[in-house]
Protein backbone atom coordinates (compact mmCIF):
# COMPACT_ATOMS: atom_id res chain seq x y z
CA MET A 1 -3.14 19.42 -6.01
CA THR A 2 -2.32 15.97 -5.06
CA TRP A 3 -0.84 13.00 -7.43
CA ASP A 4 -2.71 10.82 -9.46
CA HIS A 5 -3.13 7.60 -7.82
CA PRO A 6 -6.02 5.82 -5.62
CA ARG A 7 -3.84 6.57 -2.22
CA GLY A 8 -2.95 9.85 -3.40
CA VAL A 9 -6.27 11.27 -4.21
CA ASP A 10 -9.10 9.11 -2.73
CA PRO A 11 -8.75 9.71 1.02
CA LEU A 12 -8.60 13.23 0.68
CA ILE A 13 -11.87 13.53 -1.64
CA ALA A 14 -13.00 11.54 1.42
CA ALA A 15 -11.85 13.75 4.03
CA SER A 16 -12.89 16.70 2.33
CA ARG A 17 -16.58 15.38 1.94
CA GLU A 18 -16.13 15.32 5.70
CA TRP A 19 -15.01 18.64 6.08
CA LYS A 20 -17.49 20.18 3.90
CA ALA A 21 -20.48 18.17 6.37
CA MET A 22 -18.71 19.74 9.29
CA THR A 23 -17.95 23.06 8.13
CA GLY A 24 -19.44 23.91 4.93
CA GLN A 25 -16.06 24.49 3.31
CA ASP A 26 -15.54 23.06 -0.12
CA ILE A 27 -12.11 21.66 -0.87
CA ILE A 28 -11.56 20.52 -4.56
CA TRP A 29 -8.42 18.62 -5.40
CA ASP A 30 -6.91 18.38 -8.88
CA ARG A 31 -3.94 15.62 -9.64
CA ARG A 32 -0.49 15.41 -11.37
CA SER A 33 1.25 12.20 -12.52
CA LEU A 34 3.98 10.76 -10.37
CA GLN A 35 6.51 11.92 -12.61
CA ASP A 36 5.16 15.35 -12.37
CA PHE A 37 4.41 15.32 -8.63
CA GLU A 38 8.35 14.38 -8.29
CA THR A 39 9.57 17.10 -10.37
CA PHE A 40 7.22 19.85 -11.15
CA PRO A 41 8.14 23.30 -8.86
CA VAL A 42 6.37 23.78 -5.98
CA GLU A 43 6.37 27.48 -6.18
CA GLU A 44 4.44 27.43 -9.22
CA LEU A 45 1.60 25.05 -7.68
CA ALA A 46 1.33 27.61 -4.82
CA ARG A 47 0.79 30.52 -7.04
CA GLN A 48 -2.97 28.35 -8.05
CA TYR A 49 -3.45 26.22 -5.16
CA ASP A 50 -4.30 26.63 -1.53
CA PHE A 51 -3.05 22.95 -0.62
CA ILE A 52 -0.28 21.52 -2.33
CA VAL A 53 0.75 17.82 -1.76
CA ILE A 54 4.63 17.67 -1.75
CA ASP A 55 7.55 15.26 -1.24
CA HIS A 56 10.02 16.24 2.21
CA PRO A 57 12.86 16.65 -0.45
CA HIS A 58 11.53 20.08 -1.75
CA VAL A 59 11.42 22.06 1.64
CA GLY A 60 14.62 23.35 0.90
CA GLN A 61 13.64 24.99 -2.10
CA ILE A 62 10.44 25.89 -0.48
CA ALA A 63 12.28 27.88 2.44
CA ASP A 64 14.30 29.89 0.04
CA ALA A 65 11.08 30.56 -2.08
CA GLY A 66 8.82 31.62 0.85
CA CYS A 67 5.73 30.38 -1.20
CA LEU A 68 4.38 28.35 1.64
CA VAL A 69 2.93 29.01 5.05
CA PRO A 70 5.12 27.77 8.22
CA LEU A 71 2.82 25.36 9.97
CA ASP A 72 4.29 25.84 13.22
CA GLU A 73 2.92 29.70 12.88
CA ALA A 74 -0.56 28.44 11.19
CA CYS A 75 -1.43 25.45 13.18
CA ASP A 76 -2.72 24.61 17.07
CA ALA A 77 0.63 23.55 18.95
CA ASP A 78 -0.90 20.56 20.59
CA ALA A 79 -2.11 19.53 17.43
CA LEU A 80 1.08 19.44 15.79
CA ALA A 81 2.34 17.66 19.09
CA ASP A 82 0.22 14.96 18.30
CA ILE A 83 1.13 14.72 14.66
CA ALA A 84 4.85 14.94 15.92
CA GLN A 85 4.48 12.20 18.50
CA GLY A 86 2.90 9.87 16.13
CA SER A 87 5.44 10.26 13.08
CA VAL A 88 6.51 6.96 11.67
CA GLY A 89 10.36 7.22 11.12
CA LEU A 90 11.38 10.40 10.16
CA SER A 91 8.08 11.40 8.61
CA TYR A 92 7.40 14.76 10.70
CA PRO A 93 10.78 15.79 10.89
CA SER A 94 11.10 14.99 7.22
CA TYR A 95 9.00 18.66 6.59
CA HIS A 96 11.38 20.80 9.17
CA TRP A 97 13.64 23.02 7.72
CA ARG A 98 15.34 25.98 9.10
CA GLY A 99 13.33 26.05 12.40
CA HIS A 100 9.99 26.04 10.64
CA GLN A 101 7.12 22.92 9.92
CA TRP A 102 6.31 23.22 6.33
CA ALA A 103 3.87 19.94 5.66
CA LEU A 104 1.90 17.72 7.80
CA PRO A 105 2.68 14.19 7.01
CA ILE A 106 -0.36 12.54 5.62
CA ASP A 107 0.77 9.39 4.06
CA ALA A 108 4.52 7.37 5.06
CA ALA A 109 6.23 5.32 2.99
CA THR A 110 9.82 4.29 1.85
CA GLN A 111 11.77 1.61 -0.16
CA VAL A 112 10.52 -2.01 1.34
CA GLN A 113 9.82 -5.32 -0.81
CA ALA A 114 6.51 -6.26 -2.20
CA TRP A 115 6.18 -9.93 -3.17
CA VAL A 116 3.40 -12.53 -4.11
CA PRO A 117 2.35 -15.77 -2.27
CA GLY A 118 1.74 -18.41 -4.49
CA ARG A 119 5.21 -17.25 -6.74
CA ILE A 120 7.09 -17.78 -4.12
CA GLU A 121 6.72 -18.97 -0.59
CA ARG A 122 7.92 -16.39 1.19
CA PRO A 123 9.54 -12.77 1.19
CA LEU A 124 12.95 -12.69 0.22
CA GLU A 125 15.25 -12.99 3.17
CA ASN A 126 18.43 -11.56 1.95
CA TRP A 127 20.41 -10.64 -1.13
CA ASP A 128 21.36 -14.02 -2.40
CA ASP A 129 17.78 -14.86 -2.42
CA VAL A 130 17.06 -11.59 -4.62
CA VAL A 131 19.57 -12.28 -7.11
CA ALA A 132 18.66 -15.89 -7.08
CA LEU A 133 15.20 -14.81 -8.26
CA ALA A 134 16.68 -12.36 -10.40
CA ARG A 135 18.05 -15.53 -12.61
CA ALA A 136 14.83 -17.02 -12.72
CA GLY A 137 13.24 -14.36 -14.53
CA GLN A 138 10.45 -13.55 -11.63
CA LEU A 139 12.45 -10.00 -10.31
CA ALA A 140 11.28 -6.69 -11.04
CA LEU A 141 13.10 -3.19 -9.77
CA PRO A 142 11.85 0.11 -11.19
CA LEU A 143 14.60 1.95 -12.63
CA ARG A 144 12.88 5.04 -14.17
CA ALA A 145 14.09 8.27 -12.66
CA PRO A 146 14.44 8.74 -10.10
CA HIS A 147 13.66 5.17 -8.30
CA SER A 148 17.52 3.69 -9.40
CA LEU A 149 18.72 6.24 -7.47
CA MET A 150 16.58 5.54 -4.71
CA SER A 151 17.48 2.18 -5.02
CA LEU A 152 21.29 2.81 -4.57
CA PHE A 153 20.56 5.22 -1.65
CA SER A 154 18.65 2.51 -0.05
CA LEU A 155 21.64 -0.39 -1.04
CA CYS A 156 24.24 1.94 0.69
CA GLY A 157 21.92 1.83 4.03
CA LEU A 158 21.98 -1.78 3.83
CA ASP A 159 25.58 -2.00 3.01
CA GLY A 160 26.13 0.27 6.19
CA VAL A 161 27.35 2.68 4.01
CA THR A 162 27.08 6.81 5.26
CA LEU A 163 26.22 8.98 2.51
CA ASN A 164 27.08 12.71 3.46
CA VAL A 165 24.05 14.98 2.82
CA ASP A 166 26.13 18.15 3.59
CA GLY A 167 28.40 17.51 0.95
CA PRO A 168 30.61 18.19 -1.04
CA ASP A 169 30.98 14.72 -1.82
CA LEU A 170 27.60 12.53 -1.26
CA PHE A 171 28.80 8.91 -1.83
CA PRO A 172 32.22 7.81 -0.18
CA ALA A 173 34.20 5.43 -1.98
CA ASP A 174 32.69 2.28 -0.44
CA ALA A 175 29.31 3.25 -2.24
CA ALA A 176 31.36 1.22 -5.08
CA THR A 177 29.80 -2.03 -3.43
CA PRO A 178 26.16 -0.92 -3.59
CA TYR A 179 26.38 0.40 -7.31
CA ASP A 180 27.98 -2.78 -8.26
CA ARG A 181 24.91 -4.89 -6.75
CA LEU A 182 22.48 -2.49 -8.08
CA LEU A 183 24.38 -3.15 -11.76
CA HIS A 184 24.50 -6.72 -11.43
CA LEU A 185 20.50 -6.49 -10.93
CA ALA A 186 20.05 -4.10 -13.66
CA ASP A 187 21.81 -6.93 -15.76
CA LEU A 188 19.34 -10.05 -14.78
CA ILE A 189 16.15 -8.22 -15.10
CA ASP A 190 14.02 -7.11 -17.79
CA PRO A 191 15.24 -4.22 -19.21
CA ILE A 192 11.62 -2.57 -19.49
CA ALA A 193 12.53 -1.66 -16.22
CA TYR A 194 14.12 1.48 -17.28
CA ASP A 195 10.58 2.78 -18.09
CA GLN A 196 8.70 1.48 -14.87
CA ASP A 197 7.94 3.77 -11.80
CA PRO A 198 6.66 1.72 -8.57
CA ILE A 199 3.07 2.06 -9.75
CA ALA A 200 3.85 0.46 -13.04
CA VAL A 201 5.87 -2.51 -11.66
CA LEU A 202 2.97 -3.22 -9.11
CA ASN A 203 0.21 -2.94 -11.51
CA ALA A 204 2.56 -5.89 -13.53
CA MET A 205 2.68 -7.85 -10.60
CA GLY A 206 -1.22 -7.78 -9.64
CA THR A 207 -2.30 -9.14 -13.09
CA ALA A 208 -3.17 -12.81 -12.75
CA ASP A 209 -0.55 -14.19 -15.25
CA SER A 210 2.26 -12.46 -14.43
CA SER A 211 5.74 -14.52 -13.46
CA ILE A 212 7.00 -11.73 -11.47
CA ALA A 213 6.88 -12.67 -7.85
CA ALA A 214 8.86 -9.89 -6.05
CA ALA A 215 10.30 -6.38 -6.18
CA PRO A 216 13.00 -6.08 -3.62
CA LEU A 217 13.33 -2.29 -3.49
CA ILE A 218 9.88 -0.65 -4.44
CA TYR A 219 8.20 2.24 -2.57
CA GLY A 220 5.22 0.55 -0.59
CA TYR A 221 1.95 1.13 -2.06
CA VAL A 222 -1.18 -0.07 0.39
CA SER A 223 -3.56 -0.22 -2.49
CA TYR A 224 -2.06 -3.24 -3.75
CA ALA A 225 -2.37 -4.89 -0.52
CA GLN A 226 -5.78 -4.50 -0.41
CA ALA A 227 -8.39 -7.30 -1.52
CA GLY A 228 -10.09 -6.59 -5.04
CA PHE A 229 -7.70 -3.64 -6.04
CA LEU A 230 -5.89 -5.99 -8.89
CA PRO A 231 -6.82 -9.71 -9.97
CA THR A 232 -3.50 -10.80 -7.45
CA ARG A 233 -2.80 -9.35 -3.73
CA VAL A 234 0.67 -8.04 -3.42
CA ARG A 235 1.96 -8.16 -0.08
CA PHE A 236 4.36 -6.29 1.32
CA HIS A 237 7.39 -6.83 3.70
CA ASP A 238 11.08 -5.36 5.18
CA MET A 239 13.87 -5.07 2.86
CA PRO A 240 15.85 -7.97 2.04
CA VAL A 241 19.03 -7.50 3.73
CA THR A 242 22.46 -7.49 2.62
CA GLY A 243 24.32 -7.84 5.97
CA ALA A 244 24.36 -7.17 9.58
CA ALA A 245 23.09 -3.51 9.31
CA GLY A 246 19.63 -5.58 8.78
CA PRO A 247 16.65 -3.08 7.11
CA ALA A 248 18.13 0.23 7.66
CA GLY A 249 19.02 3.14 5.51
CA SER A 250 16.15 2.58 2.89
CA ALA A 251 15.76 6.14 1.27
CA LEU A 252 12.32 7.75 2.79
CA GLY A 253 9.67 8.76 0.90
CA GLY A 254 5.71 9.45 1.53
CA THR A 255 3.78 13.12 1.62
CA GLY A 256 3.19 15.78 3.43
CA LEU A 257 0.37 18.35 3.06
CA ALA A 258 1.49 21.92 2.76
CA ILE A 259 -0.30 25.15 2.52
CA SER A 260 0.49 28.32 -0.06
CA ALA A 261 1.44 31.68 1.23
CA SER A 262 -0.81 32.89 -1.26
CA SER A 263 -3.79 31.34 0.06
CA ALA A 264 -6.78 33.56 0.82
CA SER A 265 -7.80 30.88 3.51
CA ILE A 266 -4.83 30.37 5.74
CA PRO A 267 -6.51 29.56 8.99
CA GLN A 268 -9.31 27.51 7.49
CA ALA A 269 -6.77 25.54 5.36
CA ALA A 270 -4.42 25.21 8.97
CA ALA A 271 -7.36 23.92 10.60
CA PHE A 272 -8.11 21.03 7.60
CA ALA A 273 -4.30 20.14 7.56
CA GLN A 274 -4.04 19.17 11.10
CA TRP A 275 -7.18 17.57 11.34
CA VAL A 276 -6.64 15.13 8.25
CA ALA A 277 -2.80 14.51 9.81
CA GLY A 278 -4.20 13.96 13.16
CA GLY A 279 -4.24 10.12 14.66
CA ALA A 280 -8.24 9.79 14.76
CA ILE A 281 -9.07 10.71 11.38
CA GLN A 282 -5.72 9.02 9.70
CA THR A 283 -6.53 5.90 11.73
CA SER A 284 -10.45 5.91 10.62
CA LEU A 285 -11.84 8.02 7.40
CA TYR A 286 -8.38 8.16 5.96
CA ALA A 287 -7.34 4.45 6.15
CA ARG A 288 -10.38 3.36 5.07
CA SER A 289 -10.55 5.47 1.94
CA GLY A 290 -7.35 3.81 0.45
CA GLY A 291 -4.80 6.17 1.86
CA GLN A 292 -1.76 4.95 3.48
CA PRO A 293 -1.52 7.04 6.82
CA GLY A 294 1.66 9.14 8.15
CA HIS A 295 0.51 8.73 11.50
CA ALA A 296 1.48 5.69 13.86
CA GLN A 297 -1.42 5.28 15.60
CA ALA A 298 -2.71 3.89 12.08
CA TRP A 299 -0.10 1.74 11.51
CA GLU A 300 -0.20 0.11 15.04
CA ASP A 301 -4.23 -0.32 14.66
CA ASP A 302 -5.29 -3.95 14.28
CA ALA A 303 -8.30 -3.24 11.84
CA VAL A 304 -6.15 -1.07 9.79
CA ASN A 305 -3.51 -3.99 9.24
CA ALA A 306 -6.32 -6.61 9.02
CA GLY A 307 -7.68 -5.00 5.90
CA THR A 308 -4.11 -4.75 4.17
CA ALA A 309 -2.27 -8.26 4.74
CA ASP A 310 -0.37 -6.60 7.76
CA PHE A 311 0.80 -4.23 5.11
CA TYR A 312 2.27 -1.79 8.08
CA ARG A 313 3.35 -3.88 10.66
CA ALA A 314 5.29 -5.99 7.70
CA THR A 315 7.43 -3.04 6.83
CA ARG A 316 7.48 -1.26 10.04
CA ALA A 317 11.27 -1.91 10.75
CA THR A 318 12.20 -0.17 7.27
CA LEU A 319 10.33 2.78 7.62
CA ASP A 320 11.27 3.61 11.25
CA ARG A 321 15.18 3.15 10.02
CA ALA A 322 14.65 4.87 6.64
CA TRP A 323 17.20 7.44 5.64
CA LEU A 324 16.03 11.29 4.80
CA ARG A 325 17.35 12.15 1.85
CA PRO A 326 19.29 15.47 1.20
CA ARG A 327 16.71 19.03 1.36
CA HIS A 328 18.87 21.81 0.26
CA ASP A 329 17.63 24.23 -2.26
CA GLY A 330 19.29 22.42 -5.59
CA TYR A 331 18.59 19.06 -4.51
CA MET A 332 15.54 18.32 -6.51
CA ALA A 333 17.44 19.25 -9.83
CA PHE A 334 20.48 17.24 -8.43
CA GLN A 335 18.21 13.99 -8.32
CA GLN A 336 16.79 14.38 -11.64
CA GLN A 337 20.31 14.57 -13.04
CA ALA A 338 22.11 12.09 -10.91
CA SER A 339 19.20 9.53 -11.94
CA ASP A 340 19.62 10.01 -15.43
CA ARG A 341 23.56 10.00 -15.16
CA LEU A 342 23.30 6.58 -12.86
CA ASN A 343 21.03 5.15 -15.69
CA GLN A 344 23.41 5.76 -18.28
CA ALA A 345 25.83 3.98 -16.32
CA LEU A 346 24.05 1.05 -15.62
CA ARG A 347 23.08 0.54 -19.01
CA THR A 348 26.56 1.18 -20.08
CA ARG A 349 28.12 -1.14 -17.58
CA GLU A 350 30.60 1.66 -16.52
CA ALA A 351 32.50 0.88 -13.65
CA ALA A 352 31.80 2.20 -10.18
CA ALA A 353 34.33 4.54 -9.55
CA SER A 354 33.59 6.98 -12.46
CA VAL A 355 29.72 6.80 -11.58
CA ILE A 356 30.72 7.57 -7.85
CA ALA A 357 32.62 10.49 -8.96
CA ALA A 358 30.08 11.88 -11.63
CA LEU A 359 27.33 11.39 -8.98
CA ASN A 360 29.77 13.71 -6.55
CA ARG A 361 30.53 16.23 -9.07
CA LEU A 362 26.88 16.87 -9.75
CA PHE A 363 25.81 16.71 -6.19
CA ALA A 364 28.43 19.54 -5.12
CA GLU A 365 27.41 21.85 -8.13
CA SER A 366 23.69 21.42 -6.39
CA PHE A 367 24.84 23.51 -3.63
């Protein structure tokens, strides 16, 4: 089971086709919407599928449920060492929890900046640029849950605000400034943002007659940086900064390949997982087939960058300094509840102090 976007489906189908030619083993992929991917319980998927593509905040829930295979026990140690060494930012350790590796990064992503040459001259450099473009009606920002919360996380990182993933309070009082930045931006952009995830925003930016010139906080999607994917090619860059911290603290995303503990083919599944997550396949077959590799060998490759308008090099600084979200059992429910609560606050222009208090109450209750 993977997620329903060419970036999430096509490289796995291509890799599975090659794997069948090599081994005779057939792997068939189903897909879920991005929204389902972010919210659907992994333990239910593990009853039906050998492979599940997951997001790293699921790992606490996974460890407690016992529904996935610890890959440090199933995979070759040398293969894992190569994948760990090739981690882009915290992609590999993001799937490590309570002494075990629960997934291998096949896709690395975080919130970065999307922009369209010709609509603006260069990517946005700082938050003054962001606000000015929003006032001009040329800015978009996905606010559909959970992306509003992801943007608040990223703005905290940009402002140098430390978030306490161990609780009881996630947000300190000085998270008021990042919240006010987000509120100001939400006031300036089209309210359709509350119904948009990153795919919807990028699809809109990629139409020929769109006026949207940039999205300052949006998960990077290499597909849109490839010529011919949509009528208008979108480029990507590091986040615009708010101060001296630079492009730091973006909310890490990406996906990992996990194996169900119910699988009748665990050794074969482990062999495929370590092969498809390795540097050689990630740089060649995976990247050529529309994937967004999780291995640094691909991010540094000249040919891979040439085909994507330097997507990887242009966003690498943001990804290498991205922030790891909480991963305890209970976080995923918090993420949905907090995103809904945050959107309610943005819509009603609620003051920062009461919003932060409400989000912290939800976080404390998630443990």
